[in-house]
Amino acid sequence: MDKQLIAPYYEADHDRLDGLFRNFQSSKRSDFSKAKESFREFKIGLQRHIIWEEEILFPLFEEKAGMKGMGPTEVMRQEHRQIKNLLEAIHHKVAKQDPGSDAEETALLEVLGAHNQKEEKILYPAIDQFLSDQDREVVFRRMKGVRGEELGSCCGGHQETGSPKE
């Protein structure tokens, strides 16, 4: 492939994160240690994904499109705040080894499902059409600079490092 596109890369990361969350859900009542590790990877990965969007992808798109502080990226930022709140509610229970987070998980999945659909069907394809190959190269280069240090700790106080598997 000559050029890397935003849509397939970000969609693949959505799929990877969905799989980690499903692993967490399926093992939280039978193997909490495994569930906790899946949730840790999910939480750090989702936080990193949001940073990629809010600090790298959206600002560049907004600058090129002339729509700072409004439009579809502002809606995505509002939904990111909801997602972060629900993620922290689940994290709080995981840190206490409490598997009773079903209501929070359902709420998170509802918000994430609709959010990801809007990004995958509308926003990412629009961004790919709007940005030049060079713009996309800048996005991917900046994404590689996002490390776990920005994300804090998860599920027991240890600092997270590293980058997602590509």
N, C-alpha and C. Protein backbone atom coordinates (compact mmCIF):
# COMPACT_ATOMS: atom_id res chain seq x y z
N MET A 1 0.85 -1.17 0.00
CA MET A 1 0.00 0.00 0.00
C MET A 1 0.90 1.23 0.00
N ASP A 2 0.68 2.16 -0.92
CA ASP A 2 1.50 3.35 -1.07
C ASP A 2 1.32 4.32 0.09
N LYS A 3 0.09 4.51 0.50
CA LYS A 3 -0.18 5.47 1.56
C LYS A 3 -1.00 4.81 2.65
N GLN A 4 -0.75 5.24 3.87
CA GLN A 4 -1.51 4.71 4.98
C GLN A 4 -2.71 5.63 5.22
N LEU A 5 -3.88 5.03 5.32
CA LEU A 5 -5.10 5.78 5.53
C LEU A 5 -5.50 5.74 7.00
N ILE A 6 -6.19 6.78 7.42
CA ILE A 6 -6.66 6.90 8.79
C ILE A 6 -7.74 5.85 9.09
N ALA A 7 -8.76 5.78 8.23
CA ALA A 7 -9.93 4.94 8.52
C ALA A 7 -9.57 3.49 8.83
N PRO A 8 -8.83 2.78 7.98
CA PRO A 8 -8.57 1.37 8.30
C PRO A 8 -7.70 1.19 9.54
N TYR A 9 -6.77 2.09 9.77
CA TYR A 9 -5.89 1.96 10.94
C TYR A 9 -6.69 2.17 12.23
N TYR A 10 -7.45 3.25 12.28
CA TYR A 10 -8.23 3.54 13.49
C TYR A 10 -9.34 2.51 13.70
N GLU A 11 -9.95 2.01 12.61
CA GLU A 11 -10.97 0.97 12.74
C GLU A 11 -10.36 -0.32 13.29
N ALA A 12 -9.16 -0.66 12.85
CA ALA A 12 -8.48 -1.85 13.37
C ALA A 12 -8.19 -1.68 14.87
N ASP A 13 -7.85 -0.47 15.27
CA ASP A 13 -7.62 -0.25 16.70
C ASP A 13 -8.93 -0.38 17.47
N HIS A 14 -10.03 0.11 16.92
CA HIS A 14 -11.34 -0.11 17.56
C HIS A 14 -11.59 -1.60 17.75
N ASP A 15 -11.35 -2.39 16.70
CA ASP A 15 -11.58 -3.84 16.77
C ASP A 15 -10.69 -4.49 17.83
N ARG A 16 -9.42 -4.07 17.89
CA ARG A 16 -8.49 -4.61 18.89
C ARG A 16 -8.99 -4.30 20.29
N LEU A 17 -9.43 -3.07 20.50
CA LEU A 17 -9.94 -2.67 21.81
C LEU A 17 -11.22 -3.42 22.16
N ASP A 18 -12.11 -3.59 21.18
CA ASP A 18 -13.35 -4.36 21.42
C ASP A 18 -13.03 -5.78 21.88
N GLY A 19 -12.03 -6.40 21.26
CA GLY A 19 -11.63 -7.75 21.64
C GLY A 19 -11.10 -7.81 23.07
N LEU A 20 -10.30 -6.83 23.46
CA LEU A 20 -9.80 -6.78 24.83
C LEU A 20 -10.94 -6.63 25.83
N PHE A 21 -11.93 -5.80 25.49
CA PHE A 21 -13.05 -5.61 26.40
C PHE A 21 -13.89 -6.88 26.50
N ARG A 22 -14.10 -7.55 25.38
CA ARG A 22 -14.83 -8.83 25.41
C ARG A 22 -14.08 -9.84 26.28
N ASN A 23 -12.75 -9.88 26.17
CA ASN A 23 -11.96 -10.79 27.02
C ASN A 23 -12.15 -10.46 28.49
N PHE A 24 -12.15 -9.19 28.81
CA PHE A 24 -12.39 -8.77 30.19
C PHE A 24 -13.75 -9.27 30.66
N GLN A 25 -14.78 -9.02 29.86
CA GLN A 25 -16.13 -9.40 30.26
C GLN A 25 -16.28 -10.90 30.43
N SER A 26 -15.67 -11.66 29.54
CA SER A 26 -15.86 -13.12 29.58
C SER A 26 -15.07 -13.79 30.69
N SER A 27 -14.07 -13.12 31.23
CA SER A 27 -13.24 -13.78 32.25
C SER A 27 -13.34 -13.15 33.63
N LYS A 28 -14.08 -12.08 33.79
CA LYS A 28 -14.07 -11.37 35.08
C LYS A 28 -14.65 -12.16 36.24
N ARG A 29 -15.51 -13.12 35.96
CA ARG A 29 -16.08 -13.91 37.05
C ARG A 29 -15.41 -15.28 37.20
N SER A 30 -14.55 -15.64 36.25
CA SER A 30 -13.89 -16.95 36.34
C SER A 30 -12.38 -16.84 36.57
N ASP A 31 -11.76 -15.78 36.05
CA ASP A 31 -10.31 -15.60 36.19
C ASP A 31 -10.04 -14.11 36.27
N PHE A 32 -10.17 -13.56 37.48
CA PHE A 32 -10.09 -12.11 37.61
C PHE A 32 -8.71 -11.56 37.23
N SER A 33 -7.68 -12.33 37.46
CA SER A 33 -6.34 -11.88 37.08
C SER A 33 -6.25 -11.66 35.57
N LYS A 34 -6.77 -12.62 34.82
CA LYS A 34 -6.80 -12.49 33.36
C LYS A 34 -7.69 -11.32 32.95
N ALA A 35 -8.84 -11.20 33.60
CA ALA A 35 -9.76 -10.11 33.29
C ALA A 35 -9.10 -8.75 33.56
N LYS A 36 -8.41 -8.66 34.67
CA LYS A 36 -7.75 -7.41 35.03
C LYS A 36 -6.71 -7.02 33.99
N GLU A 37 -5.94 -7.97 33.51
CA GLU A 37 -4.94 -7.69 32.49
C GLU A 37 -5.60 -7.24 31.18
N SER A 38 -6.69 -7.89 30.80
CA SER A 38 -7.41 -7.47 29.59
C SER A 38 -7.97 -6.06 29.76
N PHE A 39 -8.52 -5.78 30.95
CA PHE A 39 -9.06 -4.45 31.18
C PHE A 39 -7.94 -3.41 31.17
N ARG A 40 -6.81 -3.71 31.77
CA ARG A 40 -5.68 -2.78 31.79
C ARG A 40 -5.26 -2.44 30.36
N GLU A 41 -5.11 -3.46 29.52
CA GLU A 41 -4.73 -3.22 28.12
C GLU A 41 -5.80 -2.41 27.40
N PHE A 42 -7.07 -2.72 27.67
CA PHE A 42 -8.18 -1.99 27.06
C PHE A 42 -8.17 -0.53 27.49
N LYS A 43 -8.05 -0.29 28.78
CA LYS A 43 -8.10 1.08 29.31
C LYS A 43 -6.96 1.92 28.75
N ILE A 44 -5.76 1.40 28.83
CA ILE A 44 -4.60 2.14 28.33
C ILE A 44 -4.74 2.36 26.82
N GLY A 45 -5.17 1.33 26.10
CA GLY A 45 -5.34 1.46 24.65
C GLY A 45 -6.41 2.46 24.27
N LEU A 46 -7.52 2.46 24.99
CA LEU A 46 -8.60 3.40 24.69
C LEU A 46 -8.16 4.83 25.01
N GLN A 47 -7.48 5.00 26.13
CA GLN A 47 -6.99 6.33 26.46
C GLN A 47 -6.00 6.82 25.40
N ARG A 48 -5.14 5.95 24.95
CA ARG A 48 -4.17 6.31 23.90
C ARG A 48 -4.90 6.68 22.61
N HIS A 49 -5.91 5.91 22.26
CA HIS A 49 -6.70 6.16 21.05
C HIS A 49 -7.35 7.56 21.13
N ILE A 50 -7.89 7.89 22.28
CA ILE A 50 -8.52 9.21 22.47
C ILE A 50 -7.47 10.32 22.35
N ILE A 51 -6.29 10.11 22.89
CA ILE A 51 -5.21 11.10 22.76
C ILE A 51 -4.85 11.26 21.28
N TRP A 52 -4.73 10.14 20.56
CA TRP A 52 -4.44 10.22 19.12
C TRP A 52 -5.45 11.13 18.43
N GLU A 53 -6.72 10.95 18.77
CA GLU A 53 -7.76 11.73 18.11
C GLU A 53 -7.75 13.19 18.57
N GLU A 54 -7.81 13.41 19.87
CA GLU A 54 -8.01 14.76 20.39
C GLU A 54 -6.77 15.64 20.27
N GLU A 55 -5.59 15.06 20.34
CA GLU A 55 -4.38 15.89 20.33
C GLU A 55 -3.67 15.90 18.99
N ILE A 56 -3.98 14.95 18.12
CA ILE A 56 -3.26 14.86 16.85
C ILE A 56 -4.22 14.96 15.66
N LEU A 57 -5.11 14.00 15.53
CA LEU A 57 -5.96 13.90 14.34
C LEU A 57 -6.97 15.04 14.23
N PHE A 58 -7.77 15.25 15.28
CA PHE A 58 -8.82 16.26 15.21
C PHE A 58 -8.27 17.67 15.00
N PRO A 59 -7.23 18.09 15.74
CA PRO A 59 -6.73 19.46 15.52
C PRO A 59 -6.25 19.70 14.08
N LEU A 60 -5.59 18.71 13.50
CA LEU A 60 -5.12 18.87 12.12
C LEU A 60 -6.31 18.97 11.16
N PHE A 61 -7.29 18.09 11.33
CA PHE A 61 -8.49 18.12 10.50
C PHE A 61 -9.23 19.45 10.66
N GLU A 62 -9.39 19.90 11.90
CA GLU A 62 -10.09 21.16 12.16
C GLU A 62 -9.37 22.34 11.52
N GLU A 63 -8.05 22.33 11.62
CA GLU A 63 -7.25 23.40 11.01
C GLU A 63 -7.44 23.42 9.49
N LYS A 64 -7.36 22.24 8.87
CA LYS A 64 -7.49 22.15 7.41
C LYS A 64 -8.92 22.47 6.96
N ALA A 65 -9.90 22.09 7.77
CA ALA A 65 -11.30 22.29 7.39
C ALA A 65 -11.86 23.63 7.88
N GLY A 66 -11.11 24.31 8.74
CA GLY A 66 -11.58 25.59 9.27
C GLY A 66 -12.77 25.47 10.19
N MET A 67 -12.80 24.42 11.01
CA MET A 67 -13.94 24.24 11.91
C MET A 67 -13.49 23.93 13.34
N LYS A 68 -12.73 24.85 13.92
CA LYS A 68 -12.28 24.67 15.30
C LYS A 68 -13.44 24.94 16.27
N GLY A 69 -13.56 24.05 17.26
CA GLY A 69 -14.56 24.23 18.30
C GLY A 69 -15.99 23.96 17.89
N MET A 70 -16.19 23.36 16.73
CA MET A 70 -17.54 23.04 16.29
C MET A 70 -17.49 21.84 15.36
N GLY A 71 -18.64 21.38 14.94
CA GLY A 71 -18.69 20.30 13.97
C GLY A 71 -18.53 18.93 14.59
N PRO A 72 -18.25 17.94 13.74
CA PRO A 72 -18.25 16.55 14.20
C PRO A 72 -17.17 16.23 15.24
N THR A 73 -16.03 16.89 15.17
CA THR A 73 -14.98 16.59 16.14
C THR A 73 -15.36 17.08 17.53
N GLU A 74 -16.13 18.15 17.62
CA GLU A 74 -16.58 18.63 18.92
C GLU A 74 -17.56 17.63 19.54
N VAL A 75 -18.43 17.05 18.72
CA VAL A 75 -19.35 16.02 19.20
C VAL A 75 -18.55 14.81 19.71
N MET A 76 -17.50 14.43 18.98
CA MET A 76 -16.67 13.30 19.39
C MET A 76 -15.99 13.58 20.73
N ARG A 77 -15.53 14.81 20.92
CA ARG A 77 -14.90 15.18 22.20
C ARG A 77 -15.89 15.07 23.36
N GLN A 78 -17.12 15.51 23.13
CA GLN A 78 -18.15 15.39 24.17
C GLN A 78 -18.38 13.92 24.52
N GLU A 79 -18.45 13.09 23.50
CA GLU A 79 -18.64 11.66 23.75
C GLU A 79 -17.41 11.05 24.43
N HIS A 80 -16.23 11.53 24.11
CA HIS A 80 -15.02 11.04 24.78
C HIS A 80 -15.11 11.30 26.29
N ARG A 81 -15.67 12.43 26.68
CA ARG A 81 -15.81 12.71 28.12
C ARG A 81 -16.73 11.68 28.78
N GLN A 82 -17.83 11.34 28.11
CA GLN A 82 -18.72 10.30 28.63
C GLN A 82 -17.99 8.97 28.73
N ILE A 83 -17.26 8.63 27.69
CA ILE A 83 -16.51 7.36 27.65
C ILE A 83 -15.50 7.31 28.78
N LYS A 84 -14.77 8.39 28.99
CA LYS A 84 -13.76 8.42 30.07
C LYS A 84 -14.41 8.24 31.44
N ASN A 85 -15.57 8.88 31.66
CA ASN A 85 -16.26 8.73 32.95
C ASN A 85 -16.69 7.29 33.19
N LEU A 86 -17.25 6.65 32.18
CA LEU A 86 -17.68 5.26 32.31
C LEU A 86 -16.47 4.34 32.47
N LEU A 87 -15.41 4.61 31.75
CA LEU A 87 -14.19 3.82 31.86
C LEU A 87 -13.64 3.90 33.29
N GLU A 88 -13.65 5.08 33.87
CA GLU A 88 -13.16 5.24 35.24
C GLU A 88 -14.07 4.53 36.25
N ALA A 89 -15.37 4.52 36.00
CA ALA A 89 -16.29 3.82 36.90
C ALA A 89 -15.98 2.32 36.90
N ILE A 90 -15.71 1.76 35.74
CA ILE A 90 -15.35 0.34 35.65
C ILE A 90 -13.97 0.13 36.28
N HIS A 91 -13.04 1.02 35.98
CA HIS A 91 -11.68 0.91 36.54
C HIS A 91 -11.71 0.89 38.06
N HIS A 92 -12.56 1.72 38.64
CA HIS A 92 -12.68 1.77 40.10
C HIS A 92 -13.06 0.39 40.65
N LYS A 93 -13.98 -0.28 40.00
CA LYS A 93 -14.40 -1.61 40.45
C LYS A 93 -13.32 -2.66 40.19
N VAL A 94 -12.66 -2.58 39.05
CA VAL A 94 -11.59 -3.53 38.74
C VAL A 94 -10.47 -3.40 39.77
N ALA A 95 -10.12 -2.17 40.13
CA ALA A 95 -9.05 -1.94 41.10
C ALA A 95 -9.40 -2.58 42.45
N LYS A 96 -10.71 -2.65 42.78
CA LYS A 96 -11.16 -3.28 44.02
C LYS A 96 -11.46 -4.77 43.84
N GLN A 97 -11.18 -5.29 42.66
CA GLN A 97 -11.46 -6.68 42.30
C GLN A 97 -12.95 -7.01 42.45
N ASP A 98 -13.77 -6.05 42.07
CA ASP A 98 -15.22 -6.19 42.13
C ASP A 98 -15.73 -6.45 40.71
N PRO A 99 -16.21 -7.66 40.42
CA PRO A 99 -16.70 -7.95 39.06
C PRO A 99 -18.09 -7.39 38.77
N GLY A 100 -18.69 -6.69 39.71
CA GLY A 100 -20.06 -6.19 39.54
C GLY A 100 -20.15 -4.88 38.78
N SER A 101 -19.60 -4.87 37.58
CA SER A 101 -19.61 -3.64 36.78
C SER A 101 -20.49 -3.78 35.54
N ASP A 102 -21.45 -4.68 35.58
CA ASP A 102 -22.28 -4.94 34.40
C ASP A 102 -23.02 -3.70 33.90
N ALA A 103 -23.59 -2.91 34.80
CA ALA A 103 -24.35 -1.73 34.38
C ALA A 103 -23.43 -0.71 33.70
N GLU A 104 -22.27 -0.50 34.28
CA GLU A 104 -21.30 0.44 33.70
C GLU A 104 -20.80 -0.06 32.34
N GLU A 105 -20.59 -1.37 32.24
CA GLU A 105 -20.13 -1.96 30.97
C GLU A 105 -21.18 -1.77 29.89
N THR A 106 -22.44 -2.01 30.23
CA THR A 106 -23.53 -1.85 29.26
C THR A 106 -23.59 -0.41 28.78
N ALA A 107 -23.49 0.53 29.72
CA ALA A 107 -23.53 1.95 29.35
C ALA A 107 -22.33 2.31 28.47
N LEU A 108 -21.16 1.81 28.82
CA LEU A 108 -19.97 2.10 28.01
C LEU A 108 -20.11 1.55 26.60
N LEU A 109 -20.59 0.31 26.50
CA LEU A 109 -20.75 -0.30 25.18
C LEU A 109 -21.77 0.44 24.32
N GLU A 110 -22.83 0.97 24.94
CA GLU A 110 -23.83 1.74 24.20
C GLU A 110 -23.20 3.01 23.63
N VAL A 111 -22.47 3.73 24.47
CA VAL A 111 -21.85 4.98 24.01
C VAL A 111 -20.77 4.68 22.98
N LEU A 112 -19.92 3.70 23.27
CA LEU A 112 -18.82 3.36 22.35
C LEU A 112 -19.34 2.85 21.00
N GLY A 113 -20.39 2.04 21.03
CA GLY A 113 -20.92 1.49 19.79
C GLY A 113 -21.37 2.59 18.83
N ALA A 114 -22.17 3.51 19.34
CA ALA A 114 -22.66 4.61 18.50
C ALA A 114 -21.51 5.53 18.10
N HIS A 115 -20.61 5.79 19.03
CA HIS A 115 -19.46 6.66 18.79
C HIS A 115 -18.58 6.09 17.68
N ASN A 116 -18.23 4.83 17.80
CA ASN A 116 -17.35 4.20 16.81
C ASN A 116 -18.00 4.16 15.43
N GLN A 117 -19.32 3.92 15.39
CA GLN A 117 -20.01 3.90 14.11
C GLN A 117 -19.91 5.26 13.41
N LYS A 118 -20.12 6.34 14.16
CA LYS A 118 -20.02 7.69 13.58
C LYS A 118 -18.60 7.94 13.07
N GLU A 119 -17.62 7.53 13.85
CA GLU A 119 -16.24 7.74 13.42
C GLU A 119 -15.93 6.91 12.17
N GLU A 120 -16.29 5.63 12.20
CA GLU A 120 -15.92 4.72 11.12
C GLU A 120 -16.69 4.98 9.83
N LYS A 121 -17.96 5.34 9.93
CA LYS A 121 -18.79 5.51 8.73
C LYS A 121 -18.74 6.93 8.16
N ILE A 122 -18.47 7.92 9.02
CA ILE A 122 -18.54 9.30 8.58
C ILE A 122 -17.21 10.04 8.75
N LEU A 123 -16.74 10.14 9.98
CA LEU A 123 -15.62 11.02 10.28
C LEU A 123 -14.30 10.56 9.67
N TYR A 124 -13.90 9.32 9.91
CA TYR A 124 -12.61 8.86 9.39
C TYR A 124 -12.54 8.92 7.86
N PRO A 125 -13.58 8.45 7.14
CA PRO A 125 -13.51 8.58 5.68
C PRO A 125 -13.41 10.04 5.22
N ALA A 126 -14.13 10.94 5.91
CA ALA A 126 -14.05 12.36 5.57
C ALA A 126 -12.64 12.89 5.81
N ILE A 127 -12.03 12.49 6.91
CA ILE A 127 -10.68 12.93 7.22
C ILE A 127 -9.71 12.42 6.16
N ASP A 128 -9.86 11.15 5.79
CA ASP A 128 -8.98 10.59 4.76
C ASP A 128 -9.11 11.35 3.44
N GLN A 129 -10.31 11.77 3.09
CA GLN A 129 -10.49 12.52 1.84
C GLN A 129 -9.95 13.93 1.96
N PHE A 130 -10.02 14.50 3.15
CA PHE A 130 -9.65 15.89 3.35
C PHE A 130 -8.15 16.08 3.51
N LEU A 131 -7.48 15.16 4.21
CA LEU A 131 -6.05 15.31 4.47
C LEU A 131 -5.21 14.80 3.30
N SER A 132 -4.11 15.42 3.10
CA SER A 132 -3.16 14.98 2.06
C SER A 132 -2.36 13.78 2.59
N ASP A 133 -1.67 13.11 1.69
CA ASP A 133 -0.79 12.02 2.09
C ASP A 133 0.22 12.51 3.13
N GLN A 134 0.75 13.70 2.92
CA GLN A 134 1.73 14.26 3.84
C GLN A 134 1.11 14.55 5.21
N ASP A 135 -0.12 15.04 5.21
CA ASP A 135 -0.83 15.27 6.48
C ASP A 135 -0.98 13.97 7.25
N ARG A 136 -1.38 12.91 6.53
CA ARG A 136 -1.56 11.61 7.19
C ARG A 136 -0.22 11.09 7.72
N GLU A 137 0.85 11.30 6.98
CA GLU A 137 2.18 10.89 7.46
C GLU A 137 2.51 11.59 8.77
N VAL A 138 2.18 12.87 8.86
CA VAL A 138 2.41 13.63 10.09
C VAL A 138 1.59 13.02 11.24
N VAL A 139 0.34 12.69 10.97
CA VAL A 139 -0.52 12.09 12.00
C VAL A 139 0.12 10.81 12.52
N PHE A 140 0.51 9.91 11.63
CA PHE A 140 1.06 8.63 12.07
C PHE A 140 2.40 8.80 12.78
N ARG A 141 3.19 9.75 12.34
CA ARG A 141 4.47 10.00 13.01
C ARG A 141 4.24 10.52 14.43
N ARG A 142 3.30 11.44 14.59
CA ARG A 142 2.99 11.98 15.92
C ARG A 142 2.37 10.92 16.83
N MET A 143 1.56 10.04 16.24
CA MET A 143 0.95 8.97 17.04
C MET A 143 2.02 8.09 17.68
N LYS A 144 3.10 7.84 16.96
CA LYS A 144 4.17 6.99 17.51
C LYS A 144 4.81 7.61 18.73
N GLY A 145 4.70 8.93 18.87
CA GLY A 145 5.27 9.61 20.02
C GLY A 145 4.42 9.53 21.28
N VAL A 146 3.20 9.04 21.16
CA VAL A 146 2.32 8.92 22.33
C VAL A 146 2.68 7.64 23.07
N ARG A 147 3.16 7.78 24.27
CA ARG A 147 3.57 6.65 25.10
C ARG A 147 2.66 6.52 26.30
N GLY A 148 2.83 5.49 27.05
CA GLY A 148 2.00 5.24 28.22
C GLY A 148 2.17 6.21 29.35
N GLU A 149 3.27 6.96 29.38
CA GLU A 149 3.51 7.87 30.49
C GLU A 149 2.38 8.90 30.63
N GLU A 150 1.78 9.27 29.51
CA GLU A 150 0.71 10.26 29.53
C GLU A 150 -0.59 9.69 30.12
N LEU A 151 -0.63 8.40 30.29
CA LEU A 151 -1.89 7.75 30.61
C LEU A 151 -2.06 7.42 32.09
N GLY A 152 -1.02 7.57 32.88
CA GLY A 152 -1.13 7.31 34.30
C GLY A 152 -1.06 5.84 34.64
N SER A 153 -1.73 5.48 35.71
CA SER A 153 -1.67 4.10 36.19
C SER A 153 -3.02 3.43 36.04
N CYS A 154 -3.00 2.13 36.20
CA CYS A 154 -4.24 1.37 36.04
C CYS A 154 -4.24 0.16 36.96
N CYS A 155 -5.33 -0.04 37.63
CA CYS A 155 -5.63 -1.31 38.30
C CYS A 155 -4.58 -1.74 39.32
N GLY A 156 -3.99 -0.82 40.02
CA GLY A 156 -3.06 -1.23 41.05
C GLY A 156 -1.87 -0.30 41.21
N GLY A 157 -1.88 0.81 40.50
CA GLY A 157 -0.89 1.83 40.73
C GLY A 157 0.37 1.77 39.92
N HIS A 158 0.58 0.72 39.11
CA HIS A 158 1.81 0.66 38.33
C HIS A 158 1.70 1.58 37.12
N GLN A 159 2.80 2.19 36.77
CA GLN A 159 2.84 3.11 35.62
C GLN A 159 2.84 2.31 34.33
N GLU A 160 2.10 2.76 33.35
CA GLU A 160 2.01 2.09 32.07
C GLU A 160 3.01 2.69 31.08
N THR A 161 3.63 1.84 30.30
CA THR A 161 4.54 2.30 29.28
C THR A 161 4.32 1.51 28.01
N GLY A 162 4.98 1.90 26.97
CA GLY A 162 4.94 1.13 25.72
C GLY A 162 3.90 1.66 24.76
N SER A 163 3.86 1.04 23.63
CA SER A 163 2.91 1.44 22.59
C SER A 163 2.15 0.21 22.13
N PRO A 164 1.03 0.43 21.47
CA PRO A 164 0.22 -0.72 21.06
C PRO A 164 0.92 -1.55 19.99
N LYS A 165 0.51 -2.77 19.92
CA LYS A 165 1.03 -3.66 18.87
C LYS A 165 0.51 -3.18 17.52
N GLU A 166 1.36 -3.20 16.54
CA GLU A 166 0.93 -2.76 15.21
C GLU A 166 0.78 -3.95 14.31
